[in-house]
Amino acid sequence: MRIAAVIFQCACLAFALFLCYQIATSLYQQDYQLMDIVSDVGSILICIDLAVFLHFNKSMASMKLKSGSQQSSVQVSTLEKVSRKLGHLGIMLIICSWIVPKLA
């Protein structure tokens, strides 16, 4: 299960890098639609959020194995909180990129 999580985490980061490349090339060539850029940025934020979640989920699972049967309270790091908020912003950006063209 850990191997699948690591592969999925690497795939999320690779997809985020691909989207960054796609945004950079479309901006450089000046061949873009604004809502496409907005949805790509939202997808990048979601990919980063998912990769950070998988990293901290993996580390929490290893800490639970080390501690044995002790019940410890789950402490969420600041990085995980920030990435979660950025993931929510990414979802909002994707929804806005779907709705705004329909209003025009």
Protein backbone atom coordinates (compact mmCIF):
# COMPACT_ATOMS: atom_id res chain seq x y z
CA MET A 1 0.00 0.00 0.00
CA ARG A 2 2.87 2.35 0.77
CA ILE A 3 4.39 1.74 -2.65
CA ALA A 4 1.11 2.69 -4.33
CA ALA A 5 0.94 5.88 -2.25
CA VAL A 6 4.50 6.84 -3.23
CA ILE A 7 3.78 6.16 -6.92
CA PHE A 8 0.57 8.19 -6.73
CA GLN A 9 2.38 11.01 -4.93
CA CYS A 10 5.06 11.11 -7.64
CA ALA A 11 2.37 11.03 -10.34
CA CYS A 12 0.62 14.01 -8.73
CA LEU A 13 3.83 16.01 -8.63
CA ALA A 14 4.69 15.04 -12.21
CA PHE A 15 1.24 16.12 -13.41
CA ALA A 16 1.60 19.42 -11.55
CA LEU A 17 4.96 20.01 -13.25
CA PHE A 18 3.42 19.17 -16.63
CA LEU A 19 0.64 21.68 -16.03
CA CYS A 20 3.20 24.33 -15.03
CA TYR A 21 5.03 23.65 -18.30
CA GLN A 22 1.77 23.85 -20.24
CA ILE A 23 0.87 27.19 -18.64
CA ALA A 24 4.36 28.59 -19.24
CA THR A 25 4.39 27.62 -22.91
CA SER A 26 0.90 28.94 -23.56
CA LEU A 27 1.76 32.25 -21.89
CA TYR A 28 5.04 32.47 -23.79
CA GLN A 29 3.36 31.80 -27.13
CA GLN A 30 0.44 34.07 -26.20
CA ASP A 31 -1.98 31.36 -27.27
CA TYR A 32 -4.24 30.88 -24.28
CA GLN A 33 -7.73 31.27 -22.91
CA LEU A 34 -7.92 32.85 -19.46
CA MET A 35 -10.30 30.24 -18.09
CA ASP A 36 -8.00 27.44 -19.26
CA ILE A 37 -5.16 29.02 -17.28
CA VAL A 38 -7.45 29.36 -14.24
CA SER A 39 -8.49 25.70 -14.39
CA ASP A 40 -4.88 24.57 -14.86
CA VAL A 41 -3.77 26.58 -11.81
CA GLY A 42 -6.62 24.99 -9.85
CA SER A 43 -5.49 21.54 -10.95
CA ILE A 44 -1.92 22.33 -9.91
CA LEU A 45 -3.09 23.37 -6.44
CA ILE A 46 -5.16 20.20 -6.08
CA CYS A 47 -2.21 18.03 -7.16
CA ILE A 48 0.08 19.69 -4.63
CA ASP A 49 -2.55 19.27 -1.91
CA LEU A 50 -2.93 15.58 -2.72
CA ALA A 51 0.83 14.99 -2.75
CA VAL A 52 1.27 16.71 0.63
CA PHE A 53 -1.67 14.73 2.03
CA LEU A 54 -0.15 11.45 0.85
CA HIS A 55 3.22 12.38 2.34
CA PHE A 56 1.78 13.23 5.76
CA ASN A 57 -0.60 10.28 5.67
CA LYS A 58 2.37 7.98 5.07
CA SER A 59 4.34 9.55 7.92
CA MET A 60 1.35 9.32 10.28
CA ALA A 61 0.94 5.63 9.45
CA SER A 62 4.59 4.94 10.22
CA MET A 63 4.32 6.84 13.53
CA LYS A 64 1.29 4.75 14.49
CA LEU A 65 3.22 1.57 13.77
CA LYS A 66 6.14 2.74 15.91
CA SER A 67 3.99 3.79 18.84
CA GLY A 68 2.16 0.47 18.94
CA SER A 69 -1.18 0.46 20.67
CA GLN A 70 -0.89 3.92 22.19
CA GLN A 71 -3.60 6.30 21.06
CA SER A 72 -2.07 9.64 20.21
CA SER A 73 -3.98 12.70 19.14
CA VAL A 74 -3.61 13.61 15.50
CA GLN A 75 -1.58 16.79 15.12
CA VAL A 76 -1.92 18.46 11.77
CA SER A 77 1.13 20.42 10.66
CA THR A 78 0.97 23.97 9.35
CA LEU A 79 2.13 22.86 5.91
CA GLU A 80 -0.72 20.38 5.71
CA LYS A 81 -3.25 23.04 6.76
CA VAL A 82 -1.94 25.49 4.16
CA SER A 83 -1.91 22.89 1.40
CA ARG A 84 -5.46 21.88 2.29
CA LYS A 85 -6.61 25.49 1.97
CA LEU A 86 -4.78 25.77 -1.36
CA GLY A 87 -6.52 22.59 -2.50
CA HIS A 88 -9.86 24.14 -1.65
CA LEU A 89 -8.85 27.25 -3.59
CA GLY A 90 -7.99 24.99 -6.52
CA ILE A 91 -11.45 23.43 -6.42
CA MET A 92 -13.01 26.90 -6.38
CA LEU A 93 -10.88 27.96 -9.36
CA ILE A 94 -11.94 24.93 -11.37
CA ILE A 95 -15.60 25.52 -10.55
CA CYS A 96 -15.26 29.19 -11.53
CA SER A 97 -13.61 28.23 -14.81
CA TRP A 98 -16.63 26.08 -15.61
CA ILE A 99 -19.30 28.58 -14.54
CA VAL A 100 -17.95 31.92 -15.82
CA PRO A 101 -17.99 31.00 -19.55
CA LYS A 102 -21.60 29.84 -19.23
CA LEU A 103 -22.61 33.24 -17.80
CA ALA A 104 -21.11 35.19 -20.71
